[in-house]
């Protein structure tokens, strides 16, 4: 969409190059970074005509809550690096748009402040499990007390990926007065360094521990690319699965999410919601994802560029344009509501 291109150009102009690369970069040679976007376009849309689309309803029920469109704002670290409005501004924009906002563990604003800013809007909390399990437990309990509506456990980062752009800038200093939130009240870091310190021993058995300390808050696992892991997640008792390759920031050369999605959705068989991120850039991509079995998508980098371009107002503009494009794509595919999007709406082109 043109709004994404314009906002990315503005972000490139306004951000320090090291900061831009931190959000823009992927792992390795960035093959998967490119293919995440390209793969959606390999699914050709198959519209149906002569359908009454004088009224199109893009809303959907997600984790027991009606949201305006099948779109969730993905977790991204340190958003006050992008703009002073940071996580608070993005969460407010999402709430106004009727969409869930996902707060990163590595945020620059405490989860309680973000939940308060979002008001009645849905806030999800993305979680990295630290080797210090007590610190993780404290953060989860604080997030639940603050009102988060889901815990999004990231499972594809036992070790950090080889991110060449990030390695070229090993330490990014946060703006004056800004620190990484610990979500526990402990002192926080004032620099962004390459990822580390997460628990590489995390196992499916730990889902029960997370559900216990989360006091019944739904747990979604983010980072699933295979039917086998989807089935393991269901056996562990999760309430949702997110098909993700971490925005192509972990292992280069892995399957693009647009290709992995159908396999995962088939394994889940509708037992829990399936979401997908990675390269989703317009309403047509959202329709493709729904046709392949997703209940919703997450968008990440477009939100980063919107925030960098114009803070909260930029995110508001992006989400309005995205919602309009989802509605347009549904109408042009002959789908007056989300339930009308079925597998026959897409066909895989030759790779």
Protein backbone atom coordinates (compact mmCIF):
# COMPACT_ATOMS: atom_id res chain seq x y z
CA UNK A 1 0.00 0.00 0.00
CA UNK A 2 1.16 3.50 -0.74
CA UNK A 3 0.79 4.60 2.90
CA UNK A 4 3.30 1.92 3.96
CA UNK A 5 5.78 2.96 1.26
CA UNK A 6 5.48 6.63 2.20
CA UNK A 7 5.83 5.97 5.92
CA UNK A 8 8.84 3.69 5.42
CA UNK A 9 10.51 6.38 3.31
CA UNK A 10 9.82 8.92 6.05
CA UNK A 11 11.21 6.54 8.69
CA UNK A 12 14.37 5.99 6.67
CA UNK A 13 14.85 9.75 6.44
CA UNK A 14 14.16 10.50 10.12
CA UNK A 15 15.75 7.59 12.00
CA UNK A 16 19.39 7.07 12.83
CA UNK A 17 20.64 4.43 10.33
CA UNK A 18 21.47 2.02 13.16
CA UNK A 19 17.92 2.29 14.52
CA UNK A 20 16.37 1.83 11.07
CA UNK A 21 18.50 -1.27 10.48
CA UNK A 22 17.53 -2.67 13.87
CA UNK A 23 13.88 -2.83 12.80
CA UNK A 24 14.34 -3.42 9.07
CA UNK A 25 16.98 -6.13 9.15
CA UNK A 26 16.66 -9.89 9.03
CA UNK A 27 18.88 -12.89 9.67
CA UNK A 28 21.71 -14.15 7.47
CA UNK A 29 21.54 -13.02 3.85
CA UNK A 30 17.94 -11.87 4.40
CA UNK A 31 16.55 -14.42 1.95
CA UNK A 32 13.57 -15.13 4.21
CA UNK A 33 13.07 -11.42 4.83
CA UNK A 34 12.36 -10.94 1.13
CA UNK A 35 10.46 -14.20 0.69
CA UNK A 36 8.08 -13.46 3.57
CA UNK A 37 6.66 -10.62 1.48
CA UNK A 38 6.98 -12.31 -1.91
CA UNK A 39 5.32 -15.55 -0.82
CA UNK A 40 1.93 -13.92 -0.21
CA UNK A 41 1.94 -12.77 -3.82
CA UNK A 42 2.47 -16.36 -4.98
CA UNK A 43 -1.05 -17.13 -3.78
CA UNK A 44 -3.29 -15.88 -6.54
CA UNK A 45 -6.70 -14.62 -5.43
CA UNK A 46 -9.78 -16.22 -7.06
CA UNK A 47 -12.63 -13.71 -6.77
CA UNK A 48 -16.29 -14.62 -7.06
CA UNK A 49 -18.62 -12.13 -8.73
CA UNK A 50 -22.33 -11.28 -8.61
CA UNK A 51 -22.31 -11.44 -4.82
CA UNK A 52 -24.05 -8.76 -2.76
CA UNK A 53 -21.17 -6.84 -1.20
CA UNK A 54 -23.07 -3.60 -0.67
CA UNK A 55 -22.25 -4.10 3.00
CA UNK A 56 -19.00 -5.76 4.04
CA UNK A 57 -18.33 -6.70 7.67
CA UNK A 58 -14.60 -7.32 8.33
CA UNK A 59 -15.05 -7.85 12.07
CA UNK A 60 -14.17 -11.16 13.70
CA UNK A 61 -14.31 -12.80 17.12
CA UNK A 62 -10.84 -13.38 18.57
CA UNK A 63 -10.24 -14.92 22.01
CA UNK A 64 -13.83 -14.19 22.94
CA UNK A 65 -13.70 -10.53 21.91
CA UNK A 66 -15.14 -8.87 18.80
CA UNK A 67 -12.45 -6.93 16.95
CA UNK A 68 -12.95 -4.56 14.02
CA UNK A 69 -10.85 -6.59 11.58
CA UNK A 70 -8.72 -9.76 11.65
CA UNK A 71 -5.61 -7.70 12.37
CA UNK A 72 -3.41 -7.53 15.48
CA UNK A 73 -0.45 -5.22 16.06
CA UNK A 74 2.62 -7.43 16.43
CA UNK A 75 5.12 -7.09 19.28
CA UNK A 76 8.17 -4.95 18.53
CA UNK A 77 10.88 -3.91 20.94
CA UNK A 78 11.75 -0.44 22.20
CA UNK A 79 9.18 1.62 20.34
CA UNK A 80 10.28 4.88 21.96
CA UNK A 81 13.40 4.51 19.81
CA UNK A 82 11.08 5.18 16.88
CA UNK A 83 9.14 8.11 18.34
CA UNK A 84 8.49 9.60 21.79
CA UNK A 85 4.88 8.37 21.55
CA UNK A 86 6.24 4.82 21.55
CA UNK A 87 4.17 1.95 22.88
CA UNK A 88 1.57 4.23 24.47
CA UNK A 89 0.83 5.99 21.20
CA UNK A 90 0.64 2.76 19.21
CA UNK A 91 -1.62 1.13 21.80
CA UNK A 92 -3.97 4.13 21.81
CA UNK A 93 -4.16 4.06 18.01
CA UNK A 94 -4.92 0.33 18.05
CA UNK A 95 -7.64 0.78 20.68
CA UNK A 96 -9.33 3.48 18.62
CA UNK A 97 -9.21 1.21 15.57
CA UNK A 98 -10.74 -1.65 17.57
CA UNK A 99 -7.67 -3.88 17.16
CA UNK A 100 -5.53 -5.74 19.75
CA UNK A 101 -2.07 -4.38 20.51
CA UNK A 102 0.78 -6.71 21.53
CA UNK A 103 3.39 -5.30 23.91
CA UNK A 104 6.93 -6.66 23.70
CA UNK A 105 8.84 -7.94 26.72
CA UNK A 106 11.58 -5.55 25.54
CA UNK A 107 9.32 -2.51 25.59
CA UNK A 108 10.31 0.99 26.63
CA UNK A 109 7.07 1.43 28.59
CA UNK A 110 5.78 -0.64 31.49
CA UNK A 111 2.83 -2.90 30.74
CA UNK A 112 0.63 -1.18 33.34
CA UNK A 113 1.05 2.19 31.62
CA UNK A 114 0.27 0.70 28.23
CA UNK A 115 -2.87 -1.05 29.49
CA UNK A 116 -4.05 2.18 31.10
CA UNK A 117 -3.44 4.11 27.88
CA UNK A 118 -5.36 1.55 25.81
CA UNK A 119 -8.44 1.91 28.00
CA UNK A 120 -11.04 -0.58 26.77
CA UNK A 121 -8.72 -1.74 23.98
CA UNK A 122 -7.21 -5.21 24.09
CA UNK A 123 -3.54 -5.46 25.10
CA UNK A 124 -1.63 -8.73 24.71
CA UNK A 125 1.75 -9.30 26.36
CA UNK A 126 4.51 -10.97 24.36
CA UNK A 127 6.80 -12.99 26.59
CA UNK A 128 10.40 -14.12 26.40
CA UNK A 129 11.18 -16.54 29.24
CA UNK A 130 14.39 -15.52 30.98
CA UNK A 131 16.87 -17.90 32.56
CA UNK A 132 15.82 -16.14 35.76
CA UNK A 133 12.37 -17.71 36.01
CA UNK A 134 11.51 -15.63 39.08
CA UNK A 135 11.88 -12.44 37.05
CA UNK A 136 9.68 -13.88 34.31
CA UNK A 137 7.06 -14.91 36.84
CA UNK A 138 7.06 -11.42 38.35
CA UNK A 139 6.60 -9.84 34.91
CA UNK A 140 3.75 -12.19 33.99
CA UNK A 141 1.92 -11.61 37.26
CA UNK A 142 2.35 -7.84 36.86
CA UNK A 143 1.05 -8.01 33.29
CA UNK A 144 -2.01 -10.00 34.33
CA UNK A 145 -2.77 -7.60 37.19
CA UNK A 146 -2.45 -4.74 34.71
CA UNK A 147 -5.19 -6.23 32.54
CA UNK A 148 -3.53 -7.95 29.57
CA UNK A 149 -5.93 -10.25 27.74
CA UNK A 150 -3.43 -12.77 26.37
CA UNK A 151 0.12 -13.97 26.90
CA UNK A 152 2.07 -14.48 23.66
CA UNK A 153 4.93 -16.85 24.37
CA UNK A 154 7.71 -16.55 21.80
CA UNK A 155 9.22 -20.01 21.26
CA UNK A 156 11.59 -19.50 18.32
CA UNK A 157 14.41 -17.70 20.12
CA UNK A 158 16.43 -20.22 22.13
CA UNK A 159 19.46 -18.32 20.81
CA UNK A 160 19.65 -15.11 18.81
CA UNK A 161 19.74 -15.30 15.04
CA UNK A 162 22.73 -14.05 13.06
CA UNK A 163 21.51 -10.56 12.26
CA UNK A 164 24.24 -8.89 10.27
CA UNK A 165 22.78 -5.38 10.39
CA UNK A 166 22.35 -5.65 14.15
CA UNK A 167 25.91 -6.93 14.57
CA UNK A 168 27.19 -3.91 12.70
CA UNK A 169 25.63 -1.73 15.41
CA UNK A 170 26.17 -3.80 18.58
CA UNK A 171 24.77 -1.23 21.00
CA UNK A 172 22.07 1.40 20.45
CA UNK A 173 21.69 4.08 23.11
CA UNK A 174 18.09 4.86 24.02
CA UNK A 175 16.91 8.49 24.10
CA UNK A 176 17.58 10.40 27.28
CA UNK A 177 15.25 9.33 30.06
CA UNK A 178 14.16 6.17 28.22
CA UNK A 179 15.01 2.65 29.45
CA UNK A 180 13.93 -0.88 28.66
CA UNK A 181 11.03 -1.84 30.90
CA UNK A 182 11.47 -4.85 33.14
CA UNK A 183 7.74 -5.01 34.00
CA UNK A 184 8.84 -5.78 37.55
CA UNK A 185 9.90 -2.40 38.89
CA UNK A 186 13.58 -3.36 38.81
CA UNK A 187 16.25 -1.09 37.30
CA UNK A 188 16.26 -1.29 33.51
CA UNK A 189 18.85 -1.03 30.74
CA UNK A 190 19.36 2.19 28.79
CA UNK A 191 20.83 0.53 25.70
CA UNK A 192 19.63 -1.96 23.11
CA UNK A 193 22.07 -4.82 22.66
CA UNK A 194 21.88 -8.00 20.60
CA UNK A 195 19.40 -10.42 22.13
CA UNK A 196 20.48 -12.83 24.83
CA UNK A 197 19.61 -14.17 28.25
CA UNK A 198 16.51 -16.12 27.28
CA UNK A 199 15.94 -19.65 28.50
CA UNK A 200 17.23 -22.08 25.86
CA UNK A 201 15.92 -25.00 27.95
CA UNK A 202 12.25 -24.01 27.44
CA UNK A 203 10.05 -27.07 26.78
CA UNK A 204 6.39 -27.76 26.05
CA UNK A 205 5.96 -28.88 29.65
CA UNK A 206 6.55 -25.25 30.66
CA UNK A 207 3.20 -24.19 29.16
CA UNK A 208 1.48 -25.53 32.30
CA UNK A 209 3.76 -23.38 34.48
CA UNK A 210 2.97 -20.29 32.41
CA UNK A 211 -0.76 -20.95 32.55
CA UNK A 212 -0.53 -21.37 36.31
CA UNK A 213 1.27 -18.08 36.94
CA UNK A 214 -0.90 -16.39 34.30
CA UNK A 215 -3.99 -17.16 36.38
CA UNK A 216 -6.02 -18.42 33.42
CA UNK A 217 -5.01 -15.75 30.92
CA UNK A 218 -5.01 -17.33 27.43
CA UNK A 219 -1.56 -18.44 26.25
CA UNK A 220 -0.66 -18.28 22.56
CA UNK A 221 2.61 -19.64 21.21
CA UNK A 222 4.40 -17.59 18.57
CA UNK A 223 6.99 -19.13 16.28
CA UNK A 224 5.26 -22.22 14.87
CA UNK A 225 6.12 -23.32 11.31
CA UNK A 226 5.29 -27.04 11.24
CA UNK A 227 2.34 -29.34 11.82
CA UNK A 228 4.41 -31.26 14.36
CA UNK A 229 4.95 -28.21 16.55
CA UNK A 230 1.32 -27.17 16.15
CA UNK A 231 0.23 -30.57 17.44
CA UNK A 232 2.72 -30.35 20.33
CA UNK A 233 1.36 -26.92 21.23
CA UNK A 234 -2.20 -28.22 21.29
CA UNK A 235 -1.17 -31.18 23.41
CA UNK A 236 0.42 -28.72 25.85
CA UNK A 237 -2.92 -26.93 26.17
CA UNK A 238 -2.33 -23.57 24.46
CA UNK A 239 -5.22 -21.30 23.51
CA UNK A 240 -3.76 -20.11 20.21
CA UNK A 241 -0.98 -20.65 17.68
CA UNK A 242 0.91 -17.96 15.77
CA UNK A 243 2.63 -19.01 12.56
CA UNK A 244 5.80 -16.93 12.56
CA UNK A 245 9.47 -17.01 11.63
CA UNK A 246 10.15 -14.00 13.88
CA UNK A 247 9.94 -11.53 11.02
CA UNK A 248 12.79 -13.45 9.29
CA UNK A 249 15.12 -12.39 12.13
CA UNK A 250 16.13 -15.84 13.41
CA UNK A 251 17.09 -18.56 10.90
CA UNK A 252 17.53 -17.47 7.31
CA UNK A 253 16.19 -19.83 4.68
CA UNK A 254 13.22 -21.09 6.69
CA UNK A 255 9.83 -21.55 5.07
CA UNK A 256 7.93 -18.27 4.53
CA UNK A 257 4.88 -18.00 6.75
CA UNK A 258 2.54 -17.73 3.74
CA UNK A 259 3.64 -21.26 2.81
CA UNK A 260 3.79 -22.72 6.33
CA UNK A 261 0.33 -21.45 7.29
CA UNK A 262 -1.81 -24.03 5.52
CA UNK A 263 0.09 -26.97 7.02
CA UNK A 264 -0.23 -25.57 10.54
CA UNK A 265 -3.91 -24.65 10.14
CA UNK A 266 -4.69 -28.16 8.88
CA UNK A 267 -3.04 -29.66 11.95
CA UNK A 268 -4.92 -27.36 14.32
CA UNK A 269 -8.28 -28.16 12.66
CA UNK A 270 -10.02 -25.15 14.19
CA UNK A 271 -9.45 -26.24 17.78
CA UNK A 272 -7.79 -22.93 18.70
CA UNK A 273 -7.28 -19.69 16.77
CA UNK A 274 -4.43 -19.65 14.26
CA UNK A 275 -2.73 -16.33 13.54
CA UNK A 276 0.11 -15.52 11.16
CA UNK A 277 2.68 -12.77 10.75
CA UNK A 278 5.53 -12.04 8.36
CA UNK A 279 5.28 -9.91 5.23
CA UNK A 280 1.57 -9.03 5.44
CA UNK A 281 1.31 -5.71 3.63
CA UNK A 282 -2.26 -5.14 2.41
CA UNK A 283 -5.85 -6.31 2.45
CA UNK A 284 -5.21 -8.90 -0.24
CA UNK A 285 -2.64 -10.56 2.01
CA UNK A 286 -5.20 -10.67 4.80
CA UNK A 287 -7.72 -12.43 2.53
CA UNK A 288 -5.01 -14.89 1.46
CA UNK A 289 -4.21 -15.66 5.09
CA UNK A 290 -7.87 -16.21 5.96
CA UNK A 291 -8.31 -18.51 2.95
CA UNK A 292 -5.33 -20.57 4.08
CA UNK A 293 -6.76 -21.11 7.53
CA UNK A 294 -5.77 -18.12 9.64
CA UNK A 295 -8.21 -16.42 11.97
CA UNK A 296 -6.20 -13.18 11.94
CA UNK A 297 -2.85 -11.68 10.96
CA UNK A 298 -0.27 -9.63 12.83
CA UNK A 299 1.48 -6.63 11.28
CA UNK A 300 4.83 -5.43 12.54
CA UNK A 301 7.25 -3.41 10.44
CA UNK A 302 4.50 -1.26 8.85
CA UNK A 303 3.56 -0.15 12.37
CA UNK A 304 7.20 0.66 13.13
CA UNK A 305 7.45 2.89 10.06
CA UNK A 306 4.12 4.54 10.85
CA UNK A 307 5.26 5.31 14.39
CA UNK A 308 8.60 6.67 13.19
CA UNK A 309 6.92 8.78 10.51
CA UNK A 310 4.34 10.51 12.67
CA UNK A 311 3.95 8.91 16.08
CA UNK A 312 0.47 7.98 17.22
CA UNK A 313 -1.07 9.90 14.30
CA UNK A 314 1.00 7.85 11.87
CA UNK A 315 -0.20 4.56 13.35
CA UNK A 316 -3.79 5.84 13.26
CA UNK A 317 -3.43 6.67 9.57
CA UNK A 318 -1.88 3.28 8.80
CA UNK A 319 -4.59 1.30 10.59
CA UNK A 320 -7.36 3.28 8.91
CA UNK A 321 -5.84 2.62 5.49
CA UNK A 322 -5.28 -1.05 6.32
CA UNK A 323 -8.87 -1.53 7.51
CA UNK A 324 -10.19 0.14 4.36
CA UNK A 325 -8.02 -2.12 2.20
CA UNK A 326 -9.19 -5.27 4.01
CA UNK A 327 -12.80 -4.26 3.40
CA UNK A 328 -12.05 -3.51 -0.26
CA UNK A 329 -10.28 -6.83 -0.80
CA UNK A 330 -13.15 -8.75 0.80
CA UNK A 331 -15.67 -7.01 -1.46
CA UNK A 332 -13.63 -7.60 -4.61
CA UNK A 333 -13.27 -11.29 -3.71
CA UNK A 334 -17.02 -11.60 -3.27
CA UNK A 335 -16.88 -12.02 0.50
CA UNK A 336 -19.33 -9.83 2.44
CA UNK A 337 -18.05 -11.23 5.74
CA UNK A 338 -15.02 -13.05 7.10
CA UNK A 339 -16.82 -16.40 7.16
CA UNK A 340 -17.22 -16.27 3.38
CA UNK A 341 -13.44 -16.50 2.84
CA UNK A 342 -12.70 -20.14 2.07
CA UNK A 343 -9.82 -22.13 0.62
CA UNK A 344 -11.22 -21.83 -2.91
CA UNK A 345 -10.47 -18.09 -2.85
CA UNK A 346 -6.75 -18.73 -3.49
CA UNK A 347 -4.60 -20.80 -5.83
CA UNK A 348 -0.84 -21.31 -5.55
CA UNK A 349 1.05 -19.98 -8.55
CA UNK A 350 4.16 -21.70 -9.88
CA UNK A 351 7.04 -20.92 -7.53
